[in-house]
Amino acid sequence: MKKALSAVIFVFLSINAFTQVFNSGHILRPGQFTAGMNPVLNDRDGGFYLHGGYGLNKKVDFGMRYGILAGQDYFGADFEWALMQSRTWNVSLITGAHVRRVMGLDGGLVVSYAVAQSATIFAGVDVDLDFYDETEHYTWVPLGVEVYWRRNTSVILEADIPMSDWAWNIFGGGLAFYF
């Protein structure tokens, strides 16, 4: 328990970056809590995310994230909705909002496949709309893997491929703790 508490404190004292799905598409069980951190490198800068989530019911979880990129704060929150759940396949829809200089809306679809009991690969689409003088849309295709090394700890590696003029390459990885 002390190790888990230390990990949570470390996660919430760290700093952070712009956007990444960093989510394998699994909905958290009702009452389950997760916390994580992931450094990010992209074409423009580097940064670091802090994120947490809570299972609301069998089909929905709520997530929040905080980050810093190029000295600017990023705050975001989202709901993840289960569209399909099975032993090997999961499909979820992500809807949310964020603030980084201006307000934006987030949407995404994540499809995951369990290649082993302790490893899941995932892909999807991630879209951010930012409301500057002109609305800008950032679209990525995330590709990643989540590997559990302990029952409640996993490593997530993700690459996001840009699909719009405003988007850029993003590479990241980090830890997720499940409580």
N, C-alpha and C. Protein backbone atom coordinates (compact mmCIF):
# COMPACT_ATOMS: atom_id res chain seq x y z
N MET A 1 0.81 -1.19 0.00
CA MET A 1 0.00 0.00 0.00
C MET A 1 0.86 1.26 0.00
N LYS A 2 2.00 1.22 0.73
CA LYS A 2 2.88 2.39 0.77
C LYS A 2 3.45 2.69 -0.62
N LYS A 3 3.77 1.63 -1.39
CA LYS A 3 4.29 1.83 -2.75
C LYS A 3 3.24 2.50 -3.63
N ALA A 4 2.01 2.04 -3.52
CA ALA A 4 0.93 2.62 -4.32
C ALA A 4 0.70 4.08 -3.94
N LEU A 5 0.68 4.37 -2.66
CA LEU A 5 0.50 5.75 -2.21
C LEU A 5 1.65 6.63 -2.67
N SER A 6 2.86 6.14 -2.59
CA SER A 6 4.03 6.89 -3.07
C SER A 6 3.92 7.17 -4.56
N ALA A 7 3.47 6.19 -5.32
CA ALA A 7 3.31 6.37 -6.77
C ALA A 7 2.27 7.44 -7.07
N VAL A 8 1.15 7.43 -6.35
CA VAL A 8 0.11 8.43 -6.56
C VAL A 8 0.63 9.82 -6.23
N ILE A 9 1.33 9.97 -5.12
CA ILE A 9 1.90 11.27 -4.75
C ILE A 9 2.88 11.74 -5.81
N PHE A 10 3.73 10.84 -6.30
CA PHE A 10 4.69 11.20 -7.35
C PHE A 10 3.96 11.66 -8.60
N VAL A 11 2.91 10.95 -8.98
CA VAL A 11 2.14 11.32 -10.17
C VAL A 11 1.57 12.72 -10.03
N PHE A 12 0.96 13.03 -8.89
CA PHE A 12 0.30 14.32 -8.74
C PHE A 12 1.27 15.47 -8.45
N LEU A 13 2.53 15.20 -8.19
CA LEU A 13 3.49 16.27 -8.01
C LEU A 13 4.28 16.56 -9.27
N SER A 14 4.11 15.77 -10.31
CA SER A 14 4.83 15.95 -11.57
C SER A 14 4.19 17.04 -12.41
N ILE A 15 4.78 17.30 -13.64
CA ILE A 15 4.24 18.30 -14.56
C ILE A 15 3.91 17.69 -15.91
N ASN A 16 3.46 18.52 -17.02
CA ASN A 16 2.93 17.91 -18.23
C ASN A 16 2.81 18.51 -19.63
N ALA A 17 1.97 17.94 -20.87
CA ALA A 17 1.94 18.30 -22.32
C ALA A 17 0.60 18.40 -23.06
N PHE A 18 0.53 18.40 -24.42
CA PHE A 18 -0.65 18.80 -25.20
C PHE A 18 -1.73 17.73 -25.39
N THR A 19 -1.60 16.80 -26.27
CA THR A 19 -2.68 15.81 -26.43
C THR A 19 -2.13 14.44 -26.75
N GLN A 20 -2.79 13.45 -26.27
CA GLN A 20 -2.55 12.05 -26.56
C GLN A 20 -3.70 11.27 -26.00
N VAL A 21 -4.05 10.17 -26.65
CA VAL A 21 -5.15 9.35 -26.15
C VAL A 21 -4.72 8.67 -24.86
N PHE A 22 -3.55 8.04 -24.86
CA PHE A 22 -2.99 7.36 -23.69
C PHE A 22 -4.07 6.53 -23.00
N ASN A 23 -4.78 5.73 -23.80
CA ASN A 23 -5.93 4.99 -23.32
C ASN A 23 -6.14 3.78 -24.21
N SER A 24 -6.19 2.61 -23.62
CA SER A 24 -6.34 1.40 -24.41
C SER A 24 -7.79 1.01 -24.67
N GLY A 25 -8.73 1.85 -24.31
CA GLY A 25 -10.12 1.58 -24.63
C GLY A 25 -10.88 0.77 -23.60
N HIS A 26 -10.24 0.37 -22.51
CA HIS A 26 -10.94 -0.36 -21.46
C HIS A 26 -11.67 0.62 -20.55
N ILE A 27 -12.91 0.32 -20.22
CA ILE A 27 -13.69 1.13 -19.28
C ILE A 27 -13.34 0.67 -17.88
N LEU A 28 -13.08 1.61 -16.98
CA LEU A 28 -12.79 1.27 -15.59
C LEU A 28 -14.03 0.68 -14.92
N ARG A 29 -13.82 -0.29 -14.06
CA ARG A 29 -14.93 -0.86 -13.29
C ARG A 29 -15.53 0.22 -12.39
N PRO A 30 -16.83 0.11 -12.05
CA PRO A 30 -17.43 1.10 -11.15
C PRO A 30 -16.64 1.21 -9.85
N GLY A 31 -16.28 2.44 -9.49
CA GLY A 31 -15.51 2.69 -8.28
C GLY A 31 -14.01 2.51 -8.43
N GLN A 32 -13.54 2.00 -9.57
CA GLN A 32 -12.10 1.84 -9.78
C GLN A 32 -11.49 3.20 -10.13
N PHE A 33 -10.29 3.45 -9.62
CA PHE A 33 -9.57 4.70 -9.83
C PHE A 33 -8.26 4.38 -10.53
N THR A 34 -7.83 5.26 -11.42
CA THR A 34 -6.53 5.12 -12.06
C THR A 34 -5.81 6.46 -12.03
N ALA A 35 -4.50 6.41 -11.96
CA ALA A 35 -3.65 7.60 -12.03
C ALA A 35 -2.46 7.24 -12.90
N GLY A 36 -1.96 8.21 -13.63
CA GLY A 36 -0.83 7.92 -14.49
C GLY A 36 -0.07 9.17 -14.87
N MET A 37 1.04 8.92 -15.52
CA MET A 37 1.90 9.99 -16.01
C MET A 37 2.56 9.52 -17.29
N ASN A 38 2.76 10.44 -18.21
CA ASN A 38 3.47 10.08 -19.43
C ASN A 38 4.18 11.27 -20.05
N PRO A 39 5.51 11.17 -20.16
CA PRO A 39 6.24 12.19 -20.90
C PRO A 39 5.92 12.06 -22.39
N VAL A 40 6.02 13.19 -23.10
CA VAL A 40 5.68 13.24 -24.51
C VAL A 40 6.74 14.02 -25.27
N LEU A 41 7.06 13.54 -26.45
CA LEU A 41 7.91 14.27 -27.39
C LEU A 41 7.10 14.47 -28.66
N ASN A 42 7.23 15.65 -29.27
CA ASN A 42 6.56 15.88 -30.54
C ASN A 42 7.44 16.74 -31.42
N ASP A 43 6.95 17.09 -32.60
CA ASP A 43 7.74 17.88 -33.56
C ASP A 43 8.06 19.27 -33.04
N ARG A 44 7.29 19.76 -32.07
CA ARG A 44 7.43 21.14 -31.62
C ARG A 44 8.14 21.27 -30.28
N ASP A 45 7.90 20.33 -29.36
CA ASP A 45 8.38 20.48 -28.00
C ASP A 45 8.21 19.17 -27.27
N GLY A 46 8.53 19.16 -26.00
CA GLY A 46 8.29 18.01 -25.14
C GLY A 46 7.44 18.44 -23.97
N GLY A 47 6.98 17.49 -23.23
CA GLY A 47 6.15 17.82 -22.08
C GLY A 47 5.85 16.57 -21.27
N PHE A 48 4.81 16.66 -20.47
CA PHE A 48 4.49 15.57 -19.55
C PHE A 48 3.03 15.69 -19.13
N TYR A 49 2.28 14.60 -19.17
CA TYR A 49 0.88 14.56 -18.73
C TYR A 49 0.74 13.93 -17.36
N LEU A 50 -0.19 14.41 -16.60
CA LEU A 50 -0.71 13.74 -15.40
C LEU A 50 -2.17 13.46 -15.69
N HIS A 51 -2.62 12.27 -15.40
CA HIS A 51 -4.01 11.97 -15.69
C HIS A 51 -4.57 11.01 -14.65
N GLY A 52 -5.88 11.06 -14.51
CA GLY A 52 -6.57 10.18 -13.59
C GLY A 52 -7.95 9.87 -14.12
N GLY A 53 -8.52 8.79 -13.63
CA GLY A 53 -9.85 8.41 -14.07
C GLY A 53 -10.60 7.70 -12.98
N TYR A 54 -11.92 7.61 -13.18
CA TYR A 54 -12.78 6.96 -12.21
C TYR A 54 -13.91 6.26 -12.95
N GLY A 55 -14.15 5.00 -12.63
CA GLY A 55 -15.24 4.24 -13.24
C GLY A 55 -16.58 4.64 -12.65
N LEU A 56 -17.46 5.19 -13.47
CA LEU A 56 -18.78 5.62 -13.01
C LEU A 56 -19.78 4.47 -12.98
N ASN A 57 -19.79 3.66 -14.03
CA ASN A 57 -20.61 2.46 -14.10
C ASN A 57 -19.96 1.50 -15.09
N LYS A 58 -20.63 0.42 -15.47
CA LYS A 58 -20.03 -0.59 -16.35
C LYS A 58 -19.76 -0.08 -17.76
N LYS A 59 -20.40 1.02 -18.14
CA LYS A 59 -20.29 1.50 -19.51
C LYS A 59 -19.64 2.88 -19.66
N VAL A 60 -19.33 3.57 -18.55
CA VAL A 60 -18.80 4.94 -18.62
C VAL A 60 -17.75 5.17 -17.55
N ASP A 61 -16.66 5.82 -17.95
CA ASP A 61 -15.72 6.32 -16.95
C ASP A 61 -15.40 7.79 -17.24
N PHE A 62 -14.89 8.46 -16.22
CA PHE A 62 -14.58 9.88 -16.29
C PHE A 62 -13.08 10.06 -16.12
N GLY A 63 -12.47 10.89 -16.95
CA GLY A 63 -11.04 11.13 -16.85
C GLY A 63 -10.71 12.60 -16.82
N MET A 64 -9.58 12.92 -16.17
CA MET A 64 -9.07 14.30 -16.14
C MET A 64 -7.58 14.25 -16.42
N ARG A 65 -7.06 15.35 -16.98
CA ARG A 65 -5.62 15.43 -17.20
C ARG A 65 -5.15 16.86 -17.05
N TYR A 66 -3.90 16.97 -16.65
CA TYR A 66 -3.23 18.26 -16.51
C TYR A 66 -1.89 18.15 -17.22
N GLY A 67 -1.48 19.21 -17.87
CA GLY A 67 -0.19 19.17 -18.53
C GLY A 67 0.43 20.53 -18.70
N ILE A 68 1.71 20.52 -19.01
CA ILE A 68 2.43 21.74 -19.36
C ILE A 68 3.22 21.46 -20.63
N LEU A 69 3.09 22.34 -21.60
CA LEU A 69 3.85 22.24 -22.85
C LEU A 69 4.28 23.65 -23.21
N ALA A 70 5.57 23.83 -23.40
CA ALA A 70 6.12 25.15 -23.74
C ALA A 70 5.65 26.21 -22.75
N GLY A 71 5.61 25.84 -21.46
CA GLY A 71 5.26 26.79 -20.42
C GLY A 71 3.78 27.11 -20.31
N GLN A 72 2.93 26.41 -21.06
CA GLN A 72 1.49 26.67 -21.00
C GLN A 72 0.76 25.51 -20.35
N ASP A 73 -0.18 25.84 -19.47
CA ASP A 73 -0.97 24.82 -18.80
C ASP A 73 -2.02 24.24 -19.74
N TYR A 74 -2.30 22.97 -19.55
CA TYR A 74 -3.35 22.26 -20.28
C TYR A 74 -4.22 21.58 -19.23
N PHE A 75 -5.53 21.80 -19.29
CA PHE A 75 -6.50 21.12 -18.43
C PHE A 75 -7.52 20.45 -19.33
N GLY A 76 -7.83 19.19 -19.06
CA GLY A 76 -8.82 18.50 -19.87
C GLY A 76 -9.62 17.52 -19.04
N ALA A 77 -10.82 17.23 -19.51
CA ALA A 77 -11.68 16.23 -18.87
C ALA A 77 -12.47 15.54 -19.96
N ASP A 78 -12.78 14.25 -19.74
CA ASP A 78 -13.54 13.53 -20.74
C ASP A 78 -14.36 12.41 -20.12
N PHE A 79 -15.35 11.97 -20.88
CA PHE A 79 -16.11 10.77 -20.57
C PHE A 79 -15.77 9.74 -21.63
N GLU A 80 -15.58 8.50 -21.21
CA GLU A 80 -15.33 7.41 -22.15
C GLU A 80 -16.53 6.47 -22.07
N TRP A 81 -17.11 6.20 -23.23
CA TRP A 81 -18.34 5.43 -23.34
C TRP A 81 -18.05 4.10 -24.02
N ALA A 82 -18.36 2.98 -23.39
CA ALA A 82 -18.16 1.66 -23.98
C ALA A 82 -19.16 1.43 -25.10
N LEU A 83 -18.67 1.13 -26.29
CA LEU A 83 -19.54 0.79 -27.40
C LEU A 83 -19.61 -0.73 -27.60
N MET A 84 -18.50 -1.41 -27.29
CA MET A 84 -18.44 -2.87 -27.38
C MET A 84 -17.39 -3.36 -26.39
N GLN A 85 -17.71 -4.42 -25.66
CA GLN A 85 -16.77 -5.00 -24.72
C GLN A 85 -16.81 -6.52 -24.84
N SER A 86 -15.64 -7.13 -24.97
CA SER A 86 -15.54 -8.59 -24.96
C SER A 86 -14.21 -8.95 -24.30
N ARG A 87 -13.91 -10.23 -24.25
CA ARG A 87 -12.65 -10.66 -23.63
C ARG A 87 -11.44 -10.15 -24.39
N THR A 88 -11.56 -10.06 -25.72
CA THR A 88 -10.40 -9.66 -26.52
C THR A 88 -10.55 -8.30 -27.18
N TRP A 89 -11.75 -7.88 -27.54
CA TRP A 89 -11.97 -6.61 -28.25
C TRP A 89 -12.72 -5.61 -27.37
N ASN A 90 -12.32 -4.35 -27.46
CA ASN A 90 -13.04 -3.25 -26.81
C ASN A 90 -13.09 -2.08 -27.79
N VAL A 91 -14.22 -1.42 -27.83
CA VAL A 91 -14.39 -0.22 -28.63
C VAL A 91 -15.03 0.82 -27.73
N SER A 92 -14.44 2.02 -27.68
CA SER A 92 -15.00 3.07 -26.83
C SER A 92 -14.96 4.41 -27.55
N LEU A 93 -15.91 5.26 -27.17
CA LEU A 93 -16.02 6.62 -27.68
C LEU A 93 -15.59 7.56 -26.57
N ILE A 94 -14.77 8.56 -26.91
CA ILE A 94 -14.29 9.52 -25.92
C ILE A 94 -14.82 10.90 -26.31
N THR A 95 -15.46 11.60 -25.34
CA THR A 95 -15.95 12.96 -25.56
C THR A 95 -15.48 13.82 -24.41
N GLY A 96 -15.05 15.04 -24.71
CA GLY A 96 -14.56 15.89 -23.63
C GLY A 96 -14.26 17.30 -24.08
N ALA A 97 -13.57 18.02 -23.20
CA ALA A 97 -13.19 19.41 -23.46
C ALA A 97 -11.85 19.68 -22.80
N HIS A 98 -11.17 20.72 -23.28
CA HIS A 98 -9.89 21.11 -22.71
C HIS A 98 -9.70 22.62 -22.81
N VAL A 99 -8.74 23.12 -22.04
CA VAL A 99 -8.34 24.52 -22.12
C VAL A 99 -6.83 24.57 -22.20
N ARG A 100 -6.32 25.21 -23.22
CA ARG A 100 -4.90 25.52 -23.39
C ARG A 100 -4.85 26.77 -24.27
N ARG A 101 -4.66 27.89 -23.69
CA ARG A 101 -4.79 29.21 -24.33
C ARG A 101 -6.24 29.51 -24.66
N VAL A 102 -6.95 28.59 -25.31
CA VAL A 102 -8.37 28.75 -25.63
C VAL A 102 -9.09 27.46 -25.29
N MET A 103 -10.41 27.51 -25.30
CA MET A 103 -11.20 26.30 -25.05
C MET A 103 -11.25 25.44 -26.30
N GLY A 104 -11.33 24.13 -26.08
CA GLY A 104 -11.45 23.20 -27.18
C GLY A 104 -12.32 22.02 -26.80
N LEU A 105 -12.81 21.33 -27.81
CA LEU A 105 -13.59 20.11 -27.62
C LEU A 105 -12.78 18.93 -28.12
N ASP A 106 -12.96 17.78 -27.46
CA ASP A 106 -12.22 16.57 -27.80
C ASP A 106 -13.19 15.46 -28.16
N GLY A 107 -12.78 14.64 -29.10
CA GLY A 107 -13.55 13.45 -29.46
C GLY A 107 -12.61 12.38 -29.95
N GLY A 108 -13.00 11.16 -29.76
CA GLY A 108 -12.15 10.08 -30.24
C GLY A 108 -12.84 8.75 -30.20
N LEU A 109 -12.25 7.81 -30.90
CA LEU A 109 -12.71 6.44 -30.94
C LEU A 109 -11.48 5.57 -30.74
N VAL A 110 -11.56 4.61 -29.81
CA VAL A 110 -10.43 3.73 -29.52
C VAL A 110 -10.89 2.29 -29.70
N VAL A 111 -10.11 1.52 -30.45
CA VAL A 111 -10.35 0.10 -30.65
C VAL A 111 -9.14 -0.63 -30.09
N SER A 112 -9.39 -1.62 -29.22
CA SER A 112 -8.26 -2.34 -28.63
C SER A 112 -8.46 -3.85 -28.79
N TYR A 113 -7.33 -4.55 -28.83
CA TYR A 113 -7.33 -6.01 -28.96
C TYR A 113 -6.31 -6.58 -27.98
N ALA A 114 -6.76 -7.51 -27.14
CA ALA A 114 -5.87 -8.16 -26.17
C ALA A 114 -5.08 -9.25 -26.88
N VAL A 115 -3.78 -9.02 -27.08
CA VAL A 115 -2.94 -10.02 -27.75
C VAL A 115 -2.46 -11.09 -26.77
N ALA A 116 -2.52 -10.79 -25.49
CA ALA A 116 -2.17 -11.73 -24.42
C ALA A 116 -2.90 -11.26 -23.17
N GLN A 117 -2.85 -12.05 -22.11
CA GLN A 117 -3.52 -11.66 -20.88
C GLN A 117 -2.96 -10.36 -20.32
N SER A 118 -1.68 -10.09 -20.58
CA SER A 118 -1.05 -8.90 -20.01
C SER A 118 -0.66 -7.85 -21.05
N ALA A 119 -1.15 -7.96 -22.29
CA ALA A 119 -0.79 -6.99 -23.32
C ALA A 119 -1.97 -6.70 -24.25
N THR A 120 -2.18 -5.42 -24.52
CA THR A 120 -3.25 -4.96 -25.40
C THR A 120 -2.68 -3.98 -26.40
N ILE A 121 -3.06 -4.13 -27.67
CA ILE A 121 -2.70 -3.13 -28.68
C ILE A 121 -3.95 -2.30 -28.96
N PHE A 122 -3.75 -1.03 -29.33
CA PHE A 122 -4.90 -0.17 -29.59
C PHE A 122 -4.61 0.82 -30.71
N ALA A 123 -5.67 1.28 -31.33
CA ALA A 123 -5.60 2.28 -32.40
C ALA A 123 -6.93 3.03 -32.39
N GLY A 124 -7.02 4.07 -33.20
CA GLY A 124 -8.27 4.82 -33.26
C GLY A 124 -8.11 6.13 -33.97
N VAL A 125 -8.90 7.09 -33.56
CA VAL A 125 -8.82 8.45 -34.08
C VAL A 125 -9.04 9.41 -32.91
N ASP A 126 -8.29 10.52 -32.91
CA ASP A 126 -8.38 11.53 -31.85
C ASP A 126 -8.52 12.88 -32.55
N VAL A 127 -9.60 13.61 -32.23
CA VAL A 127 -9.86 14.91 -32.86
C VAL A 127 -10.02 15.96 -31.77
N ASP A 128 -9.29 17.07 -31.91
CA ASP A 128 -9.42 18.23 -31.03
C ASP A 128 -9.85 19.42 -31.88
N LEU A 129 -10.84 20.16 -31.42
CA LEU A 129 -11.26 21.41 -32.05
C LEU A 129 -10.90 22.54 -31.11
N ASP A 130 -10.09 23.48 -31.56
CA ASP A 130 -9.72 24.64 -30.76
C ASP A 130 -10.36 25.89 -31.35
N PHE A 131 -10.94 26.73 -30.48
CA PHE A 131 -11.73 27.87 -30.92
C PHE A 131 -10.93 29.16 -30.81
N TYR A 132 -9.97 29.34 -31.73
CA TYR A 132 -9.27 30.61 -31.86
C TYR A 132 -10.16 31.53 -32.69
N ASP A 133 -9.61 32.59 -33.30
CA ASP A 133 -10.40 33.43 -34.21
C ASP A 133 -11.00 32.55 -35.31
N GLU A 134 -10.24 31.57 -35.70
CA GLU A 134 -10.68 30.58 -36.68
C GLU A 134 -10.62 29.23 -35.97
N THR A 135 -11.61 28.38 -36.17
CA THR A 135 -11.61 27.06 -35.53
C THR A 135 -10.56 26.18 -36.20
N GLU A 136 -9.68 25.61 -35.38
CA GLU A 136 -8.65 24.71 -35.89
C GLU A 136 -8.97 23.30 -35.44
N HIS A 137 -8.79 22.34 -36.32
CA HIS A 137 -9.01 20.95 -35.91
C HIS A 137 -7.71 20.17 -36.03
N TYR A 138 -7.40 19.50 -34.96
CA TYR A 138 -6.21 18.67 -34.87
C TYR A 138 -6.70 17.22 -34.89
N THR A 139 -6.22 16.44 -35.84
CA THR A 139 -6.66 15.05 -35.95
C THR A 139 -5.44 14.14 -35.99
N TRP A 140 -5.49 13.09 -35.17
CA TRP A 140 -4.41 12.10 -35.11
C TRP A 140 -4.98 10.69 -35.21
N VAL A 141 -4.14 9.75 -35.61
CA VAL A 141 -4.42 8.32 -35.50
C VAL A 141 -3.44 7.78 -34.47
N PRO A 142 -3.93 7.45 -33.27
CA PRO A 142 -3.04 6.88 -32.25
C PRO A 142 -2.83 5.39 -32.46
N LEU A 143 -1.59 4.94 -32.27
CA LEU A 143 -1.23 3.52 -32.31
C LEU A 143 -0.45 3.24 -31.03
N GLY A 144 -0.86 2.22 -30.27
CA GLY A 144 -0.18 1.99 -29.01
C GLY A 144 -0.30 0.58 -28.48
N VAL A 145 0.39 0.39 -27.37
CA VAL A 145 0.36 -0.88 -26.66
C VAL A 145 0.35 -0.60 -25.17
N GLU A 146 -0.43 -1.38 -24.42
CA GLU A 146 -0.43 -1.33 -22.96
C GLU A 146 0.01 -2.70 -22.46
N VAL A 147 1.04 -2.72 -21.63
CA VAL A 147 1.57 -3.97 -21.09
C VAL A 147 1.55 -3.90 -19.56
N TYR A 148 0.87 -4.86 -18.95
CA TYR A 148 0.81 -4.93 -17.48
C TYR A 148 2.04 -5.68 -17.00
N TRP A 149 2.78 -5.07 -16.07
CA TRP A 149 3.89 -5.82 -15.49
C TRP A 149 3.55 -6.27 -14.09
N ARG A 150 2.53 -5.68 -13.51
CA ARG A 150 1.96 -6.12 -12.24
C ARG A 150 0.45 -6.06 -12.39
N ARG A 151 -0.26 -6.63 -11.44
CA ARG A 151 -1.72 -6.66 -11.53
C ARG A 151 -2.32 -5.26 -11.62
N ASN A 152 -1.72 -4.27 -10.97
CA ASN A 152 -2.30 -2.92 -10.96
C ASN A 152 -1.41 -1.85 -11.59
N THR A 153 -0.39 -2.25 -12.34
CA THR A 153 0.52 -1.29 -12.95
C THR A 153 0.78 -1.67 -14.40
N SER A 154 0.69 -0.69 -15.28
CA SER A 154 0.97 -0.97 -16.69
C SER A 154 1.86 0.12 -17.28
N VAL A 155 2.49 -0.25 -18.39
CA VAL A 155 3.28 0.68 -19.20
C VAL A 155 2.51 0.87 -20.50
N ILE A 156 2.33 2.12 -20.90
CA ILE A 156 1.65 2.42 -22.15
C ILE A 156 2.62 3.18 -23.05
N LEU A 157 2.76 2.70 -24.29
CA LEU A 157 3.57 3.36 -25.31
C LEU A 157 2.63 3.73 -26.45
N GLU A 158 2.77 4.97 -26.96
CA GLU A 158 1.84 5.43 -27.99
C GLU A 158 2.54 6.36 -28.98
N ALA A 159 2.20 6.22 -30.25
CA ALA A 159 2.62 7.14 -31.30
C ALA A 159 1.35 7.67 -31.96
N ASP A 160 1.29 8.98 -32.14
CA ASP A 160 0.12 9.60 -32.77
C ASP A 160 0.54 10.18 -34.12
N ILE A 161 -0.10 9.71 -35.18
CA ILE A 161 0.22 10.12 -36.54
C ILE A 161 -0.69 11.27 -36.92
N PRO A 162 -0.13 12.42 -37.34
CA PRO A 162 -0.97 13.58 -37.68
C PRO A 162 -1.78 13.33 -38.96
N MET A 163 -3.06 13.77 -38.93
CA MET A 163 -3.93 13.60 -40.09
C MET A 163 -4.57 14.92 -40.54
N SER A 164 -4.15 16.05 -39.94
CA SER A 164 -4.66 17.36 -40.34
C SER A 164 -3.49 18.33 -40.43
N ASP A 165 -3.72 19.48 -41.07
CA ASP A 165 -2.66 20.48 -41.26
C ASP A 165 -2.10 21.01 -39.95
N TRP A 166 -2.92 21.12 -38.91
CA TRP A 166 -2.48 21.70 -37.65
C TRP A 166 -1.79 20.67 -36.73
N ALA A 167 -2.02 19.40 -36.96
CA ALA A 167 -1.49 18.35 -36.08
C ALA A 167 -0.01 18.08 -36.36
N TRP A 168 0.64 17.40 -35.43
CA TRP A 168 2.06 17.06 -35.53
C TRP A 168 2.26 15.66 -34.97
N ASN A 169 3.44 15.09 -35.21
CA ASN A 169 3.78 13.77 -34.66
C ASN A 169 3.92 13.87 -33.14
N ILE A 170 3.40 12.86 -32.45
CA ILE A 170 3.53 12.79 -30.99
C ILE A 170 3.98 11.38 -30.62
N PHE A 171 4.98 11.29 -29.75
CA PHE A 171 5.45 10.01 -29.23
C PHE A 171 5.47 10.11 -27.72
N GLY A 172 4.94 9.09 -27.05
CA GLY A 172 4.92 9.12 -25.60
C GLY A 172 4.84 7.75 -24.99
N GLY A 173 5.06 7.72 -23.74
CA GLY A 173 4.96 6.48 -22.98
C GLY A 173 4.92 6.83 -21.51
N GLY A 174 4.43 5.92 -20.72
CA GLY A 174 4.36 6.22 -19.31
C GLY A 174 3.74 5.09 -18.53
N LEU A 175 3.39 5.41 -17.30
CA LEU A 175 2.86 4.43 -16.36
C LEU A 175 1.41 4.75 -16.04
N ALA A 176 0.63 3.69 -15.81
CA ALA A 176 -0.73 3.83 -15.32
C ALA A 176 -0.87 2.91 -14.10
N PHE A 177 -1.47 3.43 -13.04
CA PHE A 177 -1.69 2.67 -11.81
C PHE A 177 -3.19 2.52 -11.61
N TYR A 178 -3.64 1.31 -11.33
CA TYR A 178 -5.06 1.02 -11.14
C TYR A 178 -5.33 0.66 -9.69
N PHE A 179 -6.34 1.31 -9.09
CA PHE A 179 -6.66 1.08 -7.68
C PHE A 179 -8.11 0.67 -7.55
